[in-house]
Amino acid sequence: MSDPSLTQDTRIRLVSELMAARRGVKDALRNRDAVALRHARSAVDRTKRALGERGPVWWDDGAPDYNRRMAINTPYAQWFKDLTV
């Protein structure tokens, strides 16, 4: 989810940049170009941070941030355990 404080124009521009960077990753992988791959992945990371999808949290609701934690190590452990595959 993108930072909702971004303007619509900014979000649209950043999403376009993200898609171009992802295409760059695909092309670099296809061409086996390690330098281009490093640059493309860096562009993906930079753009995701600008969108608020990575980096410091942009919300301030007082709730703890459980992102990037295993569900079994959070208050959602029982919910996760009860899921059926």
PDB file of N, CA and C in Angstrom:
ATOM      1  N   MET A   1       0.843  -1.174   0.000  1.00  0.00           N
ATOM      2  CA  MET A   1       0.000   0.000   0.000  1.00  0.00           C
ATOM      3  C   MET A   1       0.886   1.233   0.000  1.00  0.00           C
ATOM      4  N   SER A   2       0.548   2.170  -0.845  1.00  0.00           N
ATOM      5  CA  SER A   2       1.303   3.411  -0.928  1.00  0.00           C
ATOM      6  C   SER A   2       0.886   4.379   0.165  1.00  0.00           C
ATOM      7  N   ASP A   3       1.770   5.293   0.455  1.00  0.00           N
ATOM      8  CA  ASP A   3       1.509   6.346   1.428  1.00  0.00           C
ATOM      9  C   ASP A   3       0.338   7.196   0.924  1.00  0.00           C
ATOM     10  N   PRO A   4      -0.781   7.245   1.652  1.00  0.00           N
ATOM     11  CA  PRO A   4      -1.942   7.998   1.182  1.00  0.00           C
ATOM     12  C   PRO A   4      -1.728   9.510   1.174  1.00  0.00           C
ATOM     13  N   SER A   5      -0.654   9.996   1.775  1.00  0.00           N
ATOM     14  CA  SER A   5      -0.412  11.438   1.753  1.00  0.00           C
ATOM     15  C   SER A   5       0.219  11.894   0.435  1.00  0.00           C
ATOM     16  N   LEU A   6       0.612  10.945  -0.418  1.00  0.00           N
ATOM     17  CA  LEU A   6       1.154  11.312  -1.725  1.00  0.00           C
ATOM     18  C   LEU A   6       0.043  11.886  -2.595  1.00  0.00           C
ATOM     19  N   THR A   7       0.376  12.880  -3.385  1.00  0.00           N
ATOM     20  CA  THR A   7      -0.623  13.407  -4.315  1.00  0.00           C
ATOM     21  C   THR A   7      -0.876  12.359  -5.397  1.00  0.00           C
ATOM     22  N   GLN A   8      -2.019  12.456  -6.030  1.00  0.00           N
ATOM     23  CA  GLN A   8      -2.374  11.521  -7.099  1.00  0.00           C
ATOM     24  C   GLN A   8      -1.329  11.570  -8.214  1.00  0.00           C
ATOM     25  N   ASP A   9      -0.911  12.775  -8.599  1.00  0.00           N
ATOM     26  CA  ASP A   9       0.084  12.910  -9.668  1.00  0.00           C
ATOM     27  C   ASP A   9       1.413  12.261  -9.282  1.00  0.00           C
ATOM     28  N   THR A  10       1.833  12.466  -8.037  1.00  0.00           N
ATOM     29  CA  THR A  10       3.087  11.870  -7.569  1.00  0.00           C
ATOM     30  C   THR A  10       2.987  10.357  -7.557  1.00  0.00           C
ATOM     31  N   ARG A  11       1.871   9.835  -7.044  1.00  0.00           N
ATOM     32  CA  ARG A  11       1.693   8.387  -6.995  1.00  0.00           C
ATOM     33  C   ARG A  11       1.712   7.787  -8.397  1.00  0.00           C
ATOM     34  N   ILE A  12       1.011   8.405  -9.322  1.00  0.00           N
ATOM     35  CA  ILE A  12       0.971   7.906 -10.704  1.00  0.00           C
ATOM     36  C   ILE A  12       2.372   7.909 -11.312  1.00  0.00           C
ATOM     37  N   ARG A  13       3.121   8.987 -11.100  1.00  0.00           N
ATOM     38  CA  ARG A  13       4.484   9.081 -11.629  1.00  0.00           C
ATOM     39  C   ARG A  13       5.376   8.000 -11.032  1.00  0.00           C
ATOM     40  N   LEU A  14       5.276   7.818  -9.711  1.00  0.00           N
ATOM     41  CA  LEU A  14       6.115   6.819  -9.051  1.00  0.00           C
ATOM     42  C   LEU A  14       5.757   5.399  -9.464  1.00  0.00           C
ATOM     43  N   VAL A  15       4.479   5.111  -9.628  1.00  0.00           N
ATOM     44  CA  VAL A  15       4.069   3.771 -10.077  1.00  0.00           C
ATOM     45  C   VAL A  15       4.601   3.518 -11.487  1.00  0.00           C
ATOM     46  N   SER A  16       4.564   4.527 -12.333  1.00  0.00           N
ATOM     47  CA  SER A  16       5.110   4.392 -13.679  1.00  0.00           C
ATOM     48  C   SER A  16       6.613   4.119 -13.622  1.00  0.00           C
ATOM     49  N   GLU A  17       7.318   4.838 -12.749  1.00  0.00           N
ATOM     50  CA  GLU A  17       8.754   4.605 -12.576  1.00  0.00           C
ATOM     51  C   GLU A  17       9.021   3.194 -12.042  1.00  0.00           C
ATOM     52  N   LEU A  18       8.175   2.735 -11.130  1.00  0.00           N
ATOM     53  CA  LEU A  18       8.341   1.397 -10.566  1.00  0.00           C
ATOM     54  C   LEU A  18       8.170   0.331 -11.643  1.00  0.00           C
ATOM     55  N   MET A  19       7.162   0.484 -12.480  1.00  0.00           N
ATOM     56  CA  MET A  19       6.939  -0.495 -13.545  1.00  0.00           C
ATOM     57  C   MET A  19       8.120  -0.507 -14.514  1.00  0.00           C
ATOM     58  N   ALA A  20       8.660   0.672 -14.838  1.00  0.00           N
ATOM     59  CA  ALA A  20       9.826   0.738 -15.728  1.00  0.00           C
ATOM     60  C   ALA A  20      11.030   0.058 -15.080  1.00  0.00           C
ATOM     61  N   ALA A  21      11.222   0.277 -13.791  1.00  0.00           N
ATOM     62  CA  ALA A  21      12.342  -0.352 -13.085  1.00  0.00           C
ATOM     63  C   ALA A  21      12.176  -1.867 -13.058  1.00  0.00           C
ATOM     64  N   ARG A  22      10.953  -2.337 -12.866  1.00  0.00           N
ATOM     65  CA  ARG A  22      10.713  -3.787 -12.868  1.00  0.00           C
ATOM     66  C   ARG A  22      10.971  -4.384 -14.246  1.00  0.00           C
ATOM     67  N   ARG A  23      10.599  -3.642 -15.287  1.00  0.00           N
ATOM     68  CA  ARG A  23      10.921  -4.116 -16.638  1.00  0.00           C
ATOM     69  C   ARG A  23      12.436  -4.168 -16.821  1.00  0.00           C
ATOM     70  N   GLY A  24      13.136  -3.205 -16.217  1.00  0.00           N
ATOM     71  CA  GLY A  24      14.595  -3.205 -16.268  1.00  0.00           C
ATOM     72  C   GLY A  24      15.183  -4.438 -15.610  1.00  0.00           C
ATOM     73  N   VAL A  25      14.602  -4.857 -14.493  1.00  0.00           N
ATOM     74  CA  VAL A  25      15.050  -6.085 -13.822  1.00  0.00           C
ATOM     75  C   VAL A  25      14.838  -7.277 -14.750  1.00  0.00           C
ATOM     76  N   LYS A  26      13.658  -7.347 -15.344  1.00  0.00           N
ATOM     77  CA  LYS A  26      13.348  -8.461 -16.248  1.00  0.00           C
ATOM     78  C   LYS A  26      14.334  -8.503 -17.417  1.00  0.00           C
ATOM     79  N   ASP A  27      14.582  -7.346 -18.027  1.00  0.00           N
ATOM     80  CA  ASP A  27      15.501  -7.293 -19.166  1.00  0.00           C
ATOM     81  C   ASP A  27      16.923  -7.674 -18.756  1.00  0.00           C
ATOM     82  N   ALA A  28      17.365  -7.175 -17.608  1.00  0.00           N
ATOM     83  CA  ALA A  28      18.724  -7.480 -17.144  1.00  0.00           C
ATOM     84  C   ALA A  28      18.877  -8.970 -16.862  1.00  0.00           C
ATOM     85  N   LEU A  29      17.852  -9.569 -16.271  1.00  0.00           N
ATOM     86  CA  LEU A  29      17.897 -11.012 -16.024  1.00  0.00           C
ATOM     87  C   LEU A  29      17.940 -11.784 -17.340  1.00  0.00           C
ATOM     88  N   ARG A  30      17.108 -11.371 -18.280  1.00  0.00           N
ATOM     89  CA  ARG A  30      17.064 -12.052 -19.574  1.00  0.00           C
ATOM     90  C   ARG A  30      18.409 -11.944 -20.296  1.00  0.00           C
ATOM     91  N   ASN A  31      19.050 -10.772 -20.180  1.00  0.00           N
ATOM     92  CA  ASN A  31      20.327 -10.539 -20.861  1.00  0.00           C
ATOM     93  C   ASN A  31      21.542 -10.948 -20.030  1.00  0.00           C
ATOM     94  N   ARG A  32      21.279 -11.425 -18.827  1.00  0.00           N
ATOM     95  CA  ARG A  32      22.358 -11.827 -17.906  1.00  0.00           C
ATOM     96  C   ARG A  32      23.369 -10.702 -17.714  1.00  0.00           C
ATOM     97  N   ASP A  33      22.839  -9.497 -17.501  1.00  0.00           N
ATOM     98  CA  ASP A  33      23.668  -8.299 -17.328  1.00  0.00           C
ATOM     99  C   ASP A  33      23.672  -7.911 -15.851  1.00  0.00           C
ATOM    100  N   ALA A  34      24.720  -8.289 -15.146  1.00  0.00           N
ATOM    101  CA  ALA A  34      24.783  -8.079 -13.694  1.00  0.00           C
ATOM    102  C   ALA A  34      24.784  -6.603 -13.317  1.00  0.00           C
ATOM    103  N   VAL A  35      25.455  -5.776 -14.093  1.00  0.00           N
ATOM    104  CA  VAL A  35      25.511  -4.340 -13.781  1.00  0.00           C
ATOM    105  C   VAL A  35      24.129  -3.718 -13.954  1.00  0.00           C
ATOM    106  N   ALA A  36      23.477  -4.015 -15.067  1.00  0.00           N
ATOM    107  CA  ALA A  36      22.133  -3.482 -15.304  1.00  0.00           C
ATOM    108  C   ALA A  36      21.159  -3.992 -14.250  1.00  0.00           C
ATOM    109  N   LEU A  37      21.321  -5.238 -13.834  1.00  0.00           N
ATOM    110  CA  LEU A  37      20.445  -5.810 -12.814  1.00  0.00           C
ATOM    111  C   LEU A  37      20.598  -5.063 -11.495  1.00  0.00           C
ATOM    112  N   ARG A  38      21.827  -4.775 -11.114  1.00  0.00           N
ATOM    113  CA  ARG A  38      22.076  -4.042  -9.869  1.00  0.00           C
ATOM    114  C   ARG A  38      21.430  -2.652  -9.928  1.00  0.00           C
ATOM    115  N   HIS A  39      21.575  -1.977 -11.066  1.00  0.00           N
ATOM    116  CA  HIS A  39      20.976  -0.645 -11.224  1.00  0.00           C
ATOM    117  C   HIS A  39      19.447  -0.720 -11.209  1.00  0.00           C
ATOM    118  N   ALA A  40      18.895  -1.707 -11.889  1.00  0.00           N
ATOM    119  CA  ALA A  40      17.439  -1.843 -11.953  1.00  0.00           C
ATOM    120  C   ALA A  40      16.859  -2.170 -10.583  1.00  0.00           C
ATOM    121  N   ARG A  41      17.494  -3.068  -9.854  1.00  0.00           N
ATOM    122  CA  ARG A  41      16.995  -3.406  -8.514  1.00  0.00           C
ATOM    123  C   ARG A  41      17.113  -2.215  -7.574  1.00  0.00           C
ATOM    124  N   SER A  42      18.151  -1.437  -7.742  1.00  0.00           N
ATOM    125  CA  SER A  42      18.304  -0.223  -6.942  1.00  0.00           C
ATOM    126  C   SER A  42      17.178   0.762  -7.258  1.00  0.00           C
ATOM    127  N   ALA A  43      16.826   0.869  -8.534  1.00  0.00           N
ATOM    128  CA  ALA A  43      15.729   1.756  -8.935  1.00  0.00           C
ATOM    129  C   ALA A  43      14.402   1.276  -8.360  1.00  0.00           C
ATOM    130  N   VAL A  44      14.178  -0.037  -8.342  1.00  0.00           N
ATOM    131  CA  VAL A  44      12.956  -0.588  -7.738  1.00  0.00           C
ATOM    132  C   VAL A  44      12.907  -0.220  -6.263  1.00  0.00           C
ATOM    133  N   ASP A  45      14.003  -0.427  -5.554  1.00  0.00           N
ATOM    134  CA  ASP A  45      14.039  -0.125  -4.119  1.00  0.00           C
ATOM    135  C   ASP A  45      13.804   1.362  -3.864  1.00  0.00           C
ATOM    136  N   ARG A  46      14.492   2.214  -4.617  1.00  0.00           N
ATOM    137  CA  ARG A  46      14.335   3.667  -4.460  1.00  0.00           C
ATOM    138  C   ARG A  46      12.882   4.090  -4.653  1.00  0.00           C
ATOM    139  N   THR A  47      12.255   3.549  -5.683  1.00  0.00           N
ATOM    140  CA  THR A  47      10.879   3.933  -5.991  1.00  0.00           C
ATOM    141  C   THR A  47       9.911   3.394  -4.951  1.00  0.00           C
ATOM    142  N   LYS A  48      10.120   2.166  -4.491  1.00  0.00           N
ATOM    143  CA  LYS A  48       9.249   1.617  -3.443  1.00  0.00           C
ATOM    144  C   LYS A  48       9.370   2.438  -2.165  1.00  0.00           C
ATOM    145  N   ARG A  49      10.565   2.914  -1.858  1.00  0.00           N
ATOM    146  CA  ARG A  49      10.738   3.767  -0.681  1.00  0.00           C
ATOM    147  C   ARG A  49      10.004   5.092  -0.870  1.00  0.00           C
ATOM    148  N   ALA A  50      10.075   5.652  -2.068  1.00  0.00           N
ATOM    149  CA  ALA A  50       9.379   6.908  -2.348  1.00  0.00           C
ATOM    150  C   ALA A  50       7.863   6.734  -2.240  1.00  0.00           C
ATOM    151  N   LEU A  51       7.368   5.554  -2.605  1.00  0.00           N
ATOM    152  CA  LEU A  51       5.939   5.264  -2.501  1.00  0.00           C
ATOM    153  C   LEU A  51       5.507   4.962  -1.068  1.00  0.00           C
ATOM    154  N   GLY A  52       6.475   4.717  -0.199  1.00  0.00           N
ATOM    155  CA  GLY A  52       6.152   4.370   1.181  1.00  0.00           C
ATOM    156  C   GLY A  52       5.935   2.888   1.390  1.00  0.00           C
ATOM    157  N   GLU A  53       6.307   2.073   0.403  1.00  0.00           N
ATOM    158  CA  GLU A  53       6.138   0.622   0.511  1.00  0.00           C
ATOM    159  C   GLU A  53       7.306  -0.038   1.227  1.00  0.00           C
ATOM    160  N   ARG A  54       8.403   0.672   1.354  1.00  0.00           N
ATOM    161  CA  ARG A  54       9.579   0.203   2.098  1.00  0.00           C
ATOM    162  C   ARG A  54      10.085   1.364   2.932  1.00  0.00           C
ATOM    163  N   GLY A  55      10.902   1.023   3.898  1.00  0.00           N
ATOM    164  CA  GLY A  55      11.484   2.076   4.727  1.00  0.00           C
ATOM    165  C   GLY A  55      10.640   2.338   5.953  1.00  0.00           C
ATOM    166  N   PRO A  56      10.843   3.490   6.569  1.00  0.00           N
ATOM    167  CA  PRO A  56      10.108   3.814   7.793  1.00  0.00           C
ATOM    168  C   PRO A  56       8.596   3.838   7.543  1.00  0.00           C
ATOM    169  N   VAL A  57       7.845   3.457   8.553  1.00  0.00           N
ATOM    170  CA  VAL A  57       6.384   3.478   8.414  1.00  0.00           C
ATOM    171  C   VAL A  57       5.904   4.916   8.281  1.00  0.00           C
ATOM    172  N   TRP A  58       4.845   5.118   7.522  1.00  0.00           N
ATOM    173  CA  TRP A  58       4.315   6.456   7.310  1.00  0.00           C
ATOM    174  C   TRP A  58       3.048   6.682   8.121  1.00  0.00           C
ATOM    175  N   TRP A  59       2.555   5.631   8.752  1.00  0.00           N
ATOM    176  CA  TRP A  59       1.353   5.782   9.556  1.00  0.00           C
ATOM    177  C   TRP A  59       1.740   5.980  11.009  1.00  0.00           C
ATOM    178  N   ASP A  60       0.830   6.565  11.749  1.00  0.00           N
ATOM    179  CA  ASP A  60       1.094   6.843  13.160  1.00  0.00           C
ATOM    180  C   ASP A  60      -0.175   6.591  13.956  1.00  0.00           C
ATOM    181  N   ASP A  61      -0.554   5.313  14.039  1.00  0.00           N
ATOM    182  CA  ASP A  61      -1.770   4.971  14.779  1.00  0.00           C
ATOM    183  C   ASP A  61      -1.453   4.377  16.145  1.00  0.00           C
ATOM    184  N   GLY A  62      -0.172   4.329  16.490  1.00  0.00           N
ATOM    185  CA  GLY A  62       0.229   3.806  17.785  1.00  0.00           C
ATOM    186  C   GLY A  62       0.359   2.296  17.840  1.00  0.00           C
ATOM    187  N   ALA A  63      -0.074   1.612  16.796  1.00  0.00           N
ATOM    188  CA  ALA A  63       0.002   0.147  16.774  1.00  0.00           C
ATOM    189  C   ALA A  63       1.422  -0.289  16.422  1.00  0.00           C
ATOM    190  N   PRO A  64       1.869  -1.398  17.005  1.00  0.00           N
ATOM    191  CA  PRO A  64       3.199  -1.897  16.655  1.00  0.00           C
ATOM    192  C   PRO A  64       3.252  -2.353  15.197  1.00  0.00           C
ATOM    193  N   ASP A  65       4.418  -2.295  14.616  1.00  0.00           N
ATOM    194  CA  ASP A  65       4.616  -2.691  13.228  1.00  0.00           C
ATOM    195  C   ASP A  65       5.059  -4.152  13.182  1.00  0.00           C
ATOM    196  N   TYR A  66       4.193  -5.025  12.672  1.00  0.00           N
ATOM    197  CA  TYR A  66       4.507  -6.451  12.587  1.00  0.00           C
ATOM    198  C   TYR A  66       4.956  -6.871  11.195  1.00  0.00           C
ATOM    199  N   ASN A  67       5.190  -5.906  10.320  1.00  0.00           N
ATOM    200  CA  ASN A  67       5.690  -6.248   8.989  1.00  0.00           C
ATOM    201  C   ASN A  67       7.043  -6.921   9.101  1.00  0.00           C
ATOM    202  N   ARG A  68       7.307  -7.820   8.159  1.00  0.00           N
ATOM    203  CA  ARG A  68       8.579  -8.514   8.066  1.00  0.00           C
ATOM    204  C   ARG A  68       8.880  -9.359   9.299  1.00  0.00           C
ATOM    205  N   ARG A  69       7.837  -9.839   9.939  1.00  0.00           N
ATOM    206  CA  ARG A  69       7.975 -10.788  11.043  1.00  0.00           C
ATOM    207  C   ARG A  69       7.167 -12.027  10.693  1.00  0.00           C
ATOM    208  N   MET A  70       7.633 -13.155  11.167  1.00  0.00           N
ATOM    209  CA  MET A  70       6.878 -14.384  10.943  1.00  0.00           C
ATOM    210  C   MET A  70       5.584 -14.308  11.747  1.00  0.00           C
ATOM    211  N   ALA A  71       4.487 -14.710  11.146  1.00  0.00           N
ATOM    212  CA  ALA A  71       3.180 -14.632  11.807  1.00  0.00           C
ATOM    213  C   ALA A  71       3.175 -15.367  13.145  1.00  0.00           C
ATOM    214  N   ILE A  72       3.914 -16.448  13.242  1.00  0.00           N
ATOM    215  CA  ILE A  72       3.919 -17.221  14.492  1.00  0.00           C
ATOM    216  C   ILE A  72       4.597 -16.478  15.640  1.00  0.00           C
ATOM    217  N   ASN A  73       5.304 -15.399  15.312  1.00  0.00           N
ATOM    218  CA  ASN A  73       5.980 -14.598  16.333  1.00  0.00           C
ATOM    219  C   ASN A  73       5.256 -13.282  16.602  1.00  0.00           C
ATOM    220  N   THR A  74       3.977 -13.242  16.285  1.00  0.00           N
ATOM    221  CA  THR A  74       3.178 -12.030  16.479  1.00  0.00           C
ATOM    222  C   THR A  74       1.889 -12.402  17.212  1.00  0.00           C
ATOM    223  N   PRO A  75       1.089 -11.405  17.564  1.00  0.00           N
ATOM    224  CA  PRO A  75      -0.210 -11.710  18.170  1.00  0.00           C
ATOM    225  C   PRO A  75      -1.157 -12.461  17.224  1.00  0.00           C
ATOM    226  N   TYR A  76      -0.776 -12.597  15.952  1.00  0.00           N
ATOM    227  CA  TYR A  76      -1.609 -13.299  14.974  1.00  0.00           C
ATOM    228  C   TYR A  76      -1.257 -14.782  14.885  1.00  0.00           C
ATOM    229  N   ALA A  77      -0.470 -15.284  15.828  1.00  0.00           N
ATOM    230  CA  ALA A  77       0.006 -16.673  15.777  1.00  0.00           C
ATOM    231  C   ALA A  77      -1.142 -17.680  15.725  1.00  0.00           C
ATOM    232  N   GLN A  78      -2.152 -17.514  16.553  1.00  0.00           N
ATOM    233  CA  GLN A  78      -3.261 -18.472  16.571  1.00  0.00           C
ATOM    234  C   GLN A  78      -4.032 -18.430  15.261  1.00  0.00           C
ATOM    235  N   TRP A  79      -4.277 -17.236  14.755  1.00  0.00           N
ATOM    236  CA  TRP A  79      -4.956 -17.094  13.465  1.00  0.00           C
ATOM    237  C   TRP A  79      -4.170 -17.842  12.390  1.00  0.00           C
ATOM    238  N   PHE A  80      -2.857 -17.654  12.376  1.00  0.00           N
ATOM    239  CA  PHE A  80      -2.019 -18.309  11.382  1.00  0.00           C
ATOM    240  C   PHE A  80      -2.068 -19.825  11.545  1.00  0.00           C
ATOM    241  N   LYS A  81      -2.023 -20.280  12.781  1.00  0.00           N
ATOM    242  CA  LYS A  81      -2.062 -21.719  13.061  1.00  0.00           C
ATOM    243  C   LYS A  81      -3.374 -22.336  12.575  1.00  0.00           C
ATOM    244  N   ASP A  82      -4.470 -21.585  12.684  1.00  0.00           N
ATOM    245  CA  ASP A  82      -5.786 -22.093  12.308  1.00  0.00           C
ATOM    246  C   ASP A  82      -6.037 -22.096  10.801  1.00  0.00           C
ATOM    247  N   LEU A  83      -5.157 -21.473  10.025  1.00  0.00           N
ATOM    248  CA  LEU A  83      -5.331 -21.463   8.574  1.00  0.00           C
ATOM    249  C   LEU A  83      -5.192 -22.874   8.037  1.00  0.00           C
ATOM    250  N   THR A  84      -5.992 -23.203   7.052  1.00  0.00           N
ATOM    251  CA  THR A  84      -5.873 -24.513   6.405  1.00  0.00           C
ATOM    252  C   THR A  84      -5.271 -24.311   5.030  1.00  0.00           C
ATOM    253  N   VAL A  85      -4.492 -25.275   4.627  1.00  0.00           N
ATOM    254  CA  VAL A  85      -3.821 -25.176   3.325  1.00  0.00           C
ATOM    255  C   VAL A  85      -4.582 -25.958   2.304  1.00  0.00           C
TER     256      VAL A  85
END
